[in-house]
Amino acid sequence: MDARTQDTQDGFPAGGLPGRRALATEAVHAGREDLVAQGLHAPPLDLSTTYPCHDSRGEAARLDAFAADGAELTGPPVYARLGNPTVSRFETALARLEGTESAVAFASGMAALSAVLLARNALGLRHVVAVRPLYGCSDHLLNAGLLGSEVTWTDPAGIAEALRPDTGLVMVESPANPTLAEVDLRAVAHACGSVPLLVDNTFATPVLQRPAGHGARLVLHSATKYLGGHGDVMGGVVACDEELARRLRQVRFATGAVLHPLAGYLLLRGLSTLPVRVRAASATAAELACRLAVDPRVARVHYPRIGGAMVAFEVHGDPHAVIAGVRLITPAVSLGSVDTLIQHPASISHRIVDESDRHGAGVSDRLLRLSVGLEDVEDLWTDLDGALGSERTGGERRREEVAGR
């Protein structure tokens, strides 16, 4: 599927975002439009924590305005916890790619989700309706009530019935971590009614899916993953309408969960290659999913309808032996990097989720999650094949023993 077809399927005009340029063009230029006028080519990195100002009355008025409504400060910056010019460029670019009015960046994806929950809790809307599976730490944050939230777990068909007067949020992840299960976002948004829908779009990225075009009011990313894309920066971001963004900025200021300017710089740079990286890795992932699907050592393969660079598969043998057996592929948590990573969710990313809840969400003990990078597909398959080779079935071993006698 080419980029223009995907734009149309996600509810945007063929050729690009509404009234804007194609996604690939936006990825390169969004957040950088003023550089030429400044005589610059690369975006500047502003590491200041504070900014001088002789107009203390004017500064007080701007702070009063921010405290009242959370709108972005106009004029020169004041203090890094209120905002940073480099981070603002990344926020502008991500909002353009997701097709939302605004975006608010945080120190991590979990900090971003925490800010959303705190913002809704402050309005007395502490109840959350959520669909499993979610990323393990997201699941834990909701289930443990660490921020005072109460969660009702349901399947997509039960969302409308689960809503209460104090429901402040509905949360889904599609494709989900780690099973890659997908939900009909438009149908889910309809079921939410007036309650904001938050979609974790980390796995799909705006290259494959733009939830705001299907009715989501909040789009969450662990920017550490595909947006950064090189395994060297941590961050989180929520793309949303300006009304919600103002609340999130106030929470960020109060809690201090700010994105460091260097991280903002690296994330903005990562966005410029996001479409190329995601499409290349997705093509390789689709090929590996096909090969795994017909491999007798593999019990089941999970690969999303919309594609993507993530593959999950269940093995007949010991999944820990596969982790121990890879040599080119990196056995590590996280995902979305230029190199391929593999991990065992039941041991790491979803270990914090109760075992019965984990199994109920389809996260079996034999499931492996593969984040496909930019290596050659044949090299990756050779490594996977070798690692799976140690996972021969009992029948295969017996046949070899008989043949060797």
Protein backbone atom coordinates (compact mmCIF):
# COMPACT_ATOMS: atom_id res chain seq x y z
CA MET A 1 0.00 0.00 0.00
CA ASP A 2 1.51 3.35 -0.93
CA ALA A 3 1.53 6.45 1.27
CA ARG A 4 -1.24 8.27 -0.61
CA THR A 5 -3.60 5.29 -0.38
CA GLN A 6 -2.92 5.08 3.36
CA ASP A 7 -3.68 8.79 3.79
CA THR A 8 -7.08 8.27 2.17
CA GLN A 9 -7.87 5.21 4.28
CA ASP A 10 -7.10 7.09 7.49
CA GLY A 11 -9.63 9.78 6.63
CA PHE A 12 -7.27 12.31 5.07
CA PRO A 13 -7.27 13.52 1.48
CA ALA A 14 -5.02 11.64 -0.91
CA GLY A 15 -1.70 13.43 -1.14
CA GLY A 16 -1.44 14.67 2.41
CA LEU A 17 -2.92 16.02 5.61
CA PRO A 18 -5.95 18.35 5.52
CA GLY A 19 -4.86 21.60 3.88
CA ARG A 20 -1.25 20.61 4.24
CA ARG A 21 1.45 18.66 2.51
CA ALA A 22 1.98 14.91 2.17
CA LEU A 23 3.07 13.03 5.27
CA ALA A 24 6.62 12.44 4.02
CA THR A 25 7.02 16.16 3.33
CA GLU A 26 5.58 17.17 6.70
CA ALA A 27 7.94 14.75 8.44
CA VAL A 28 10.91 16.60 6.99
CA HIS A 29 9.68 20.20 7.23
CA ALA A 30 7.17 20.51 10.09
CA GLY A 31 8.55 22.52 13.00
CA ARG A 32 11.31 23.97 10.82
CA GLU A 33 9.41 26.51 8.70
CA ASP A 34 11.12 29.56 10.23
CA LEU A 35 14.71 28.37 9.80
CA VAL A 36 15.43 29.87 6.39
CA ALA A 37 14.35 33.33 7.56
CA GLN A 38 16.84 32.98 10.41
CA GLY A 39 19.61 31.92 8.06
CA LEU A 40 19.67 28.43 9.58
CA HIS A 41 19.49 24.94 8.13
CA ALA A 42 19.50 22.70 11.20
CA PRO A 43 17.11 23.51 14.07
CA PRO A 44 18.91 25.20 16.98
CA LEU A 45 19.30 23.40 20.29
CA ASP A 46 18.36 25.67 23.22
CA LEU A 47 19.72 24.27 26.49
CA SER A 48 18.83 27.25 28.69
CA THR A 49 17.05 26.55 31.96
CA THR A 50 16.16 30.21 32.53
CA TYR A 51 15.82 33.34 30.40
CA PRO A 52 16.59 36.98 31.28
CA CYS A 53 13.77 39.53 31.30
CA HIS A 54 13.75 43.12 32.60
CA ASP A 55 9.96 43.42 32.33
CA SER A 56 8.89 41.69 35.55
CA ARG A 57 5.36 43.11 35.35
CA GLY A 58 4.87 41.71 31.88
CA GLU A 59 6.32 38.40 32.98
CA ALA A 60 3.89 38.26 35.91
CA ALA A 61 0.96 38.88 33.58
CA ARG A 62 2.04 36.06 31.29
CA LEU A 63 2.40 33.67 34.21
CA ASP A 64 -1.04 34.63 35.48
CA ALA A 65 -2.46 33.86 32.04
CA PHE A 66 -0.76 30.47 31.95
CA ALA A 67 -2.04 29.61 35.42
CA ALA A 68 -5.55 30.53 34.31
CA ASP A 69 -5.80 28.56 31.08
CA GLY A 70 -2.55 26.71 30.27
CA ALA A 71 -2.12 28.39 26.90
CA GLU A 72 1.41 28.45 25.50
CA LEU A 73 3.33 31.53 26.55
CA THR A 74 3.67 34.26 23.97
CA GLY A 75 6.90 36.20 23.73
CA PRO A 76 10.29 35.07 25.02
CA PRO A 77 10.62 31.97 27.23
CA VAL A 78 10.67 32.35 31.01
CA TYR A 79 11.80 29.05 32.55
CA ALA A 80 12.45 25.62 31.10
CA ARG A 81 9.66 23.97 33.09
CA LEU A 82 7.17 26.29 31.36
CA GLY A 83 8.44 25.55 27.88
CA ASN A 84 11.47 25.27 25.65
CA PRO A 85 11.82 26.43 22.02
CA THR A 86 13.46 23.18 20.84
CA VAL A 87 10.81 21.01 22.47
CA SER A 88 8.10 23.24 21.00
CA ARG A 89 9.40 22.48 17.51
CA PHE A 90 8.99 18.76 18.13
CA GLU A 91 5.49 19.29 19.51
CA THR A 92 4.49 21.33 16.46
CA ALA A 93 5.82 18.68 14.11
CA LEU A 94 4.16 15.75 15.87
CA ALA A 95 0.80 17.54 15.96
CA ARG A 96 1.07 18.12 12.22
CA LEU A 97 1.82 14.45 11.58
CA GLU A 98 -1.05 13.25 13.79
CA GLY A 99 -3.48 15.83 12.41
CA THR A 100 -4.27 17.45 15.77
CA GLU A 101 -4.31 21.05 16.95
CA SER A 102 -1.59 20.59 19.54
CA ALA A 103 0.85 18.22 21.17
CA VAL A 104 2.45 18.24 24.61
CA ALA A 105 5.76 16.46 25.21
CA PHE A 106 6.92 14.80 28.43
CA ALA A 107 9.98 13.07 29.87
CA SER A 108 8.64 9.61 28.97
CA GLY A 109 5.57 7.85 27.65
CA MET A 110 4.53 6.95 31.19
CA ALA A 111 4.90 10.57 32.28
CA ALA A 112 2.62 11.53 29.40
CA LEU A 113 -0.04 8.99 30.41
CA SER A 114 0.28 10.06 34.05
CA ALA A 115 -0.34 13.67 33.05
CA VAL A 116 -3.52 12.68 31.21
CA LEU A 117 -4.83 10.80 34.26
CA LEU A 118 -3.95 13.65 36.62
CA ALA A 119 -5.65 16.19 34.35
CA ARG A 120 -8.86 14.16 34.29
CA ASN A 121 -8.68 13.39 38.02
CA ALA A 122 -8.45 17.12 38.76
CA LEU A 123 -11.89 17.51 37.19
CA GLY A 124 -13.32 14.77 39.42
CA LEU A 125 -13.32 12.28 36.55
CA ARG A 126 -11.33 9.46 38.12
CA HIS A 127 -12.92 6.50 36.36
CA VAL A 128 -11.16 4.98 33.33
CA VAL A 129 -12.52 2.38 30.93
CA ALA A 130 -9.72 0.41 29.30
CA VAL A 131 -9.29 -2.48 26.89
CA ARG A 132 -6.55 -5.08 27.37
CA PRO A 133 -3.89 -5.69 26.35
CA LEU A 134 -2.03 -2.46 27.02
CA TYR A 135 1.67 -1.92 27.58
CA GLY A 136 2.46 -3.60 30.89
CA CYS A 137 3.33 -0.44 32.83
CA SER A 138 0.21 1.33 31.50
CA ASP A 139 -1.83 -1.65 32.72
CA HIS A 140 -0.14 -1.49 36.12
CA LEU A 141 -0.60 2.27 36.49
CA LEU A 142 -4.33 1.93 35.88
CA ASN A 143 -4.90 -1.29 37.81
CA ALA A 144 -2.94 -0.29 40.90
CA GLY A 145 -4.72 3.06 41.18
CA LEU A 146 -1.40 4.76 41.85
CA LEU A 147 -2.75 8.15 40.76
CA GLY A 148 -6.16 7.73 42.33
CA SER A 149 -7.84 6.39 39.21
CA GLU A 150 -10.33 3.52 39.16
CA VAL A 151 -10.38 1.27 36.09
CA THR A 152 -13.00 -0.93 34.50
CA TRP A 153 -11.54 -3.46 32.07
CA THR A 154 -13.75 -4.48 29.18
CA ASP A 155 -13.67 -5.57 25.56
CA PRO A 156 -14.47 -3.03 22.82
CA ALA A 157 -18.10 -4.15 22.64
CA GLY A 158 -18.59 -3.38 26.34
CA ILE A 159 -17.26 0.17 26.40
CA ALA A 160 -20.59 2.01 26.21
CA GLU A 161 -22.06 -0.09 29.02
CA ALA A 162 -18.99 0.46 31.23
CA LEU A 163 -19.23 4.28 31.10
CA ARG A 164 -20.23 6.12 34.29
CA PRO A 165 -20.93 9.78 35.12
CA ASP A 166 -17.40 10.06 36.54
CA THR A 167 -15.69 8.36 33.58
CA GLY A 168 -12.99 10.70 32.39
CA LEU A 169 -11.20 8.57 29.83
CA VAL A 170 -11.42 5.52 27.61
CA MET A 171 -8.05 3.98 26.72
CA VAL A 172 -7.11 1.50 24.03
CA GLU A 173 -3.87 0.50 22.32
CA SER A 174 -4.07 -0.57 18.69
CA PRO A 175 -2.10 -2.48 17.56
CA ALA A 176 -1.72 -3.60 21.15
CA ASN A 177 1.46 -4.42 23.01
CA PRO A 178 2.46 -7.24 22.73
CA THR A 179 -0.21 -9.29 20.90
CA LEU A 180 -0.73 -6.73 18.10
CA ALA A 181 -4.50 -7.05 18.54
CA GLU A 182 -6.40 -4.30 16.73
CA VAL A 183 -9.65 -2.53 17.50
CA ASP A 184 -12.02 -0.59 15.26
CA LEU A 185 -11.09 2.92 16.38
CA ARG A 186 -14.07 4.60 14.75
CA ALA A 187 -16.50 2.20 16.45
CA VAL A 188 -14.74 2.64 19.80
CA ALA A 189 -14.84 6.44 19.49
CA HIS A 190 -18.58 6.25 18.77
CA ALA A 191 -19.09 4.08 21.86
CA CYS A 192 -17.28 6.65 24.00
CA GLY A 193 -19.88 9.34 23.37
CA SER A 194 -18.63 12.55 24.99
CA VAL A 195 -15.88 10.80 26.99
CA PRO A 196 -12.42 11.42 25.49
CA LEU A 197 -10.83 8.43 23.79
CA LEU A 198 -7.08 7.99 24.26
CA VAL A 199 -5.34 5.76 21.73
CA ASP A 200 -1.79 4.58 22.31
CA ASN A 201 -0.40 4.86 18.78
CA THR A 202 3.19 3.90 19.62
CA PHE A 203 3.26 0.77 17.47
CA ALA A 204 1.50 2.18 14.41
CA THR A 205 2.90 5.74 14.37
CA PRO A 206 1.15 8.37 12.20
CA VAL A 207 2.72 6.70 9.19
CA LEU A 208 0.28 3.78 9.41
CA GLN A 209 -2.60 5.20 11.44
CA ARG A 210 -3.88 8.58 12.65
CA PRO A 211 -6.40 7.96 15.44
CA ALA A 212 -7.58 11.58 15.57
CA GLY A 213 -9.06 11.04 12.13
CA HIS A 214 -11.18 8.23 13.60
CA GLY A 215 -12.50 10.18 16.57
CA ALA A 216 -9.79 9.92 19.24
CA ARG A 217 -9.23 13.10 21.24
CA LEU A 218 -5.86 12.05 22.63
CA VAL A 219 -3.09 10.18 20.84
CA LEU A 220 -0.31 8.86 23.05
CA HIS A 221 3.22 7.94 21.99
CA SER A 222 6.16 6.54 23.81
CA ALA A 223 8.43 8.76 21.72
CA THR A 224 11.34 6.61 22.91
CA LYS A 225 10.30 4.10 20.26
CA TYR A 226 9.67 4.88 16.58
CA LEU A 227 9.57 8.67 16.83
CA GLY A 228 13.15 8.73 18.10
CA GLY A 229 14.00 5.60 16.18
CA HIS A 230 17.60 5.04 17.23
CA GLY A 231 17.40 3.74 20.80
CA ASP A 232 19.16 6.80 22.22
CA VAL A 233 16.43 9.13 23.46
CA MET A 234 13.57 8.83 25.95
CA GLY A 235 10.37 10.84 25.76
CA GLY A 236 6.60 10.81 25.55
CA VAL A 237 4.02 12.97 23.82
CA VAL A 238 0.25 13.43 23.66
CA ALA A 239 -1.28 14.83 20.47
CA CYS A 240 -4.69 16.33 21.13
CA ASP A 241 -6.96 19.37 20.74
CA GLU A 242 -5.87 22.65 22.29
CA GLU A 243 -8.43 22.47 25.10
CA LEU A 244 -6.93 19.25 26.45
CA ALA A 245 -3.38 20.43 25.71
CA ARG A 246 -3.81 23.41 28.03
CA ARG A 247 -4.61 21.13 30.95
CA LEU A 248 -1.66 18.90 30.13
CA ARG A 249 0.74 21.88 30.06
CA GLN A 250 -0.43 22.88 33.53
CA VAL A 251 0.15 19.36 34.84
CA ARG A 252 3.58 19.25 33.22
CA PHE A 253 4.53 22.56 34.81
CA ALA A 254 3.31 21.44 38.24
CA THR A 255 4.90 17.99 38.18
CA GLY A 256 8.10 18.86 36.32
CA ALA A 257 7.81 15.93 33.92
CA VAL A 258 9.42 17.96 31.14
CA LEU A 259 11.19 16.68 28.06
CA HIS A 260 14.86 17.66 27.99
CA PRO A 261 15.77 19.97 25.07
CA LEU A 262 18.37 17.54 23.75
CA ALA A 263 15.68 14.85 23.68
CA GLY A 264 13.39 17.26 21.85
CA TYR A 265 16.14 17.93 19.30
CA LEU A 266 16.74 14.21 18.72
CA LEU A 267 13.02 13.48 18.46
CA LEU A 268 12.52 16.23 15.89
CA ARG A 269 15.42 14.79 13.90
CA GLY A 270 13.90 11.31 14.24
CA LEU A 271 10.60 12.46 12.75
CA SER A 272 12.32 13.46 9.51
CA THR A 273 13.11 9.82 8.69
CA LEU A 274 10.06 8.27 10.38
CA PRO A 275 8.10 7.42 7.19
CA VAL A 276 11.14 5.90 5.50
CA ARG A 277 12.11 3.85 8.55
CA VAL A 278 8.62 2.59 9.31
CA ARG A 279 7.87 1.55 5.73
CA ALA A 280 11.22 -0.20 5.24
CA ALA A 281 11.03 -2.06 8.55
CA SER A 282 7.37 -2.95 7.89
CA ALA A 283 8.22 -4.61 4.59
CA THR A 284 10.83 -6.77 6.30
CA ALA A 285 8.49 -7.56 9.19
CA ALA A 286 5.75 -8.70 6.81
CA GLU A 287 8.18 -11.08 5.11
CA LEU A 288 9.41 -12.49 8.43
CA ALA A 289 5.80 -12.94 9.58
CA CYS A 290 5.07 -14.97 6.45
CA ARG A 291 8.08 -17.21 7.00
CA LEU A 292 7.30 -17.72 10.69
CA ALA A 293 3.67 -18.55 9.87
CA VAL A 294 4.67 -21.65 7.89
CA ASP A 295 7.49 -22.72 10.22
CA PRO A 296 6.65 -25.94 12.15
CA ARG A 297 8.60 -24.67 15.15
CA VAL A 298 6.16 -21.76 15.51
CA ALA A 299 2.69 -22.32 16.97
CA ARG A 300 1.12 -18.97 16.06
CA VAL A 301 2.05 -15.65 14.48
CA HIS A 302 0.47 -12.28 15.27
CA TYR A 303 0.79 -9.55 12.65
CA PRO A 304 -1.56 -6.56 12.38
CA ARG A 305 -3.89 -5.85 9.47
CA ILE A 306 -2.43 -2.38 9.03
CA GLY A 307 1.09 -3.78 8.84
CA GLY A 308 3.97 -2.35 10.81
CA ALA A 309 7.38 -3.36 12.05
CA MET A 310 6.24 -5.45 15.02
CA VAL A 311 5.78 -9.23 14.90
CA ALA A 312 4.70 -11.45 17.78
CA PHE A 313 4.90 -15.22 17.64
CA GLU A 314 4.40 -18.18 19.94
CA VAL A 315 6.84 -21.08 19.80
CA HIS A 316 6.24 -24.76 20.51
CA GLY A 317 9.47 -25.02 22.48
CA ASP A 318 11.16 -22.89 25.12
CA PRO A 319 10.97 -19.15 24.29
CA HIS A 320 13.89 -18.44 26.61
CA ALA A 321 16.12 -20.63 24.45
CA VAL A 322 15.23 -18.49 21.42
CA ILE A 323 16.19 -15.33 23.34
CA ALA A 324 19.48 -16.96 24.30
CA GLY A 325 20.09 -18.18 20.76
CA VAL A 326 20.00 -14.97 18.73
CA ARG A 327 23.28 -13.44 17.66
CA LEU A 328 22.48 -10.62 15.22
CA ILE A 329 19.14 -9.67 16.78
CA THR A 330 19.47 -7.82 20.08
CA PRO A 331 17.76 -9.49 23.07
CA ALA A 332 16.46 -6.36 24.82
CA VAL A 333 13.33 -4.51 25.87
CA SER A 334 11.92 -1.53 23.98
CA LEU A 335 11.22 -1.33 20.26
CA GLY A 336 11.24 0.93 17.23
CA SER A 337 15.01 1.20 16.83
CA VAL A 338 16.99 0.82 13.61
CA ASP A 339 18.24 -2.53 14.90
CA THR A 340 16.01 -5.55 15.50
CA LEU A 341 15.10 -6.38 19.11
CA ILE A 342 13.46 -9.45 20.61
CA GLN A 343 12.04 -9.96 24.09
CA HIS A 344 9.82 -12.27 26.13
CA PRO A 345 6.85 -10.16 27.32
CA ALA A 346 5.81 -12.49 30.15
CA SER A 347 9.28 -12.06 31.67
CA ILE A 348 9.87 -8.36 31.09
CA SER A 349 7.49 -5.81 29.54
CA HIS A 350 4.33 -7.44 30.98
CA ARG A 351 5.85 -9.11 34.04
CA ILE A 352 4.22 -6.49 36.26
CA VAL A 353 0.74 -7.51 35.05
CA ASP A 354 -0.97 -10.21 37.13
CA GLU A 355 -0.48 -13.61 35.50
CA SER A 356 -4.19 -14.33 35.12
CA ASP A 357 -4.80 -10.89 33.59
CA ARG A 358 -1.81 -11.40 31.32
CA HIS A 359 -3.08 -14.73 30.05
CA GLY A 360 -6.61 -13.38 29.73
CA ALA A 361 -5.30 -10.67 27.42
CA GLY A 362 -3.63 -13.25 25.19
CA VAL A 363 -0.07 -12.78 26.46
CA SER A 364 0.98 -16.42 26.69
CA ASP A 365 4.16 -17.65 28.32
CA ARG A 366 5.45 -18.83 24.94
CA LEU A 367 4.95 -15.46 23.20
CA LEU A 368 7.94 -13.59 21.81
CA ARG A 369 7.84 -10.00 20.56
CA LEU A 370 10.06 -8.97 17.66
CA SER A 371 10.71 -5.32 16.80
CA VAL A 372 12.07 -5.43 13.25
CA GLY A 373 14.75 -2.94 12.31
CA LEU A 374 16.50 -2.00 9.10
CA GLU A 375 18.80 -5.00 8.62
CA ASP A 376 18.60 -7.19 5.54
CA VAL A 377 15.73 -9.66 5.76
CA GLU A 378 17.91 -12.67 4.89
CA ASP A 379 20.38 -11.89 7.66
CA LEU A 380 17.55 -11.57 10.14
CA TRP A 381 15.96 -14.81 9.00
CA THR A 382 19.27 -16.66 9.25
CA ASP A 383 19.58 -15.51 12.86
CA LEU A 384 15.97 -16.40 13.73
CA ASP A 385 16.26 -19.76 12.03
CA GLY A 386 19.37 -20.56 14.02
CA ALA A 387 17.76 -19.52 17.30
CA LEU A 388 14.62 -21.52 16.56
CA GLY A 389 16.75 -24.49 15.54
CA SER A 390 17.45 -25.27 19.17
CA GLU A 391 13.69 -25.46 19.67
CA ARG A 392 13.09 -28.71 17.78
CA THR A 393 10.06 -30.72 18.80
CA GLY A 394 10.42 -33.99 20.65
CA GLY A 395 9.39 -35.87 17.51
CA GLU A 396 12.12 -34.18 15.47
CA ARG A 397 14.74 -35.07 18.07
CA ARG A 398 13.61 -38.68 18.15
CA ARG A 399 13.73 -38.92 14.36
CA GLU A 400 17.28 -37.57 14.39
CA GLU A 401 18.26 -40.03 17.11
CA VAL A 402 16.85 -42.95 15.10
CA ALA A 403 18.59 -41.73 11.93
CA GLY A 404 21.90 -41.46 13.76
CA ARG A 405 21.87 -45.03 15.07
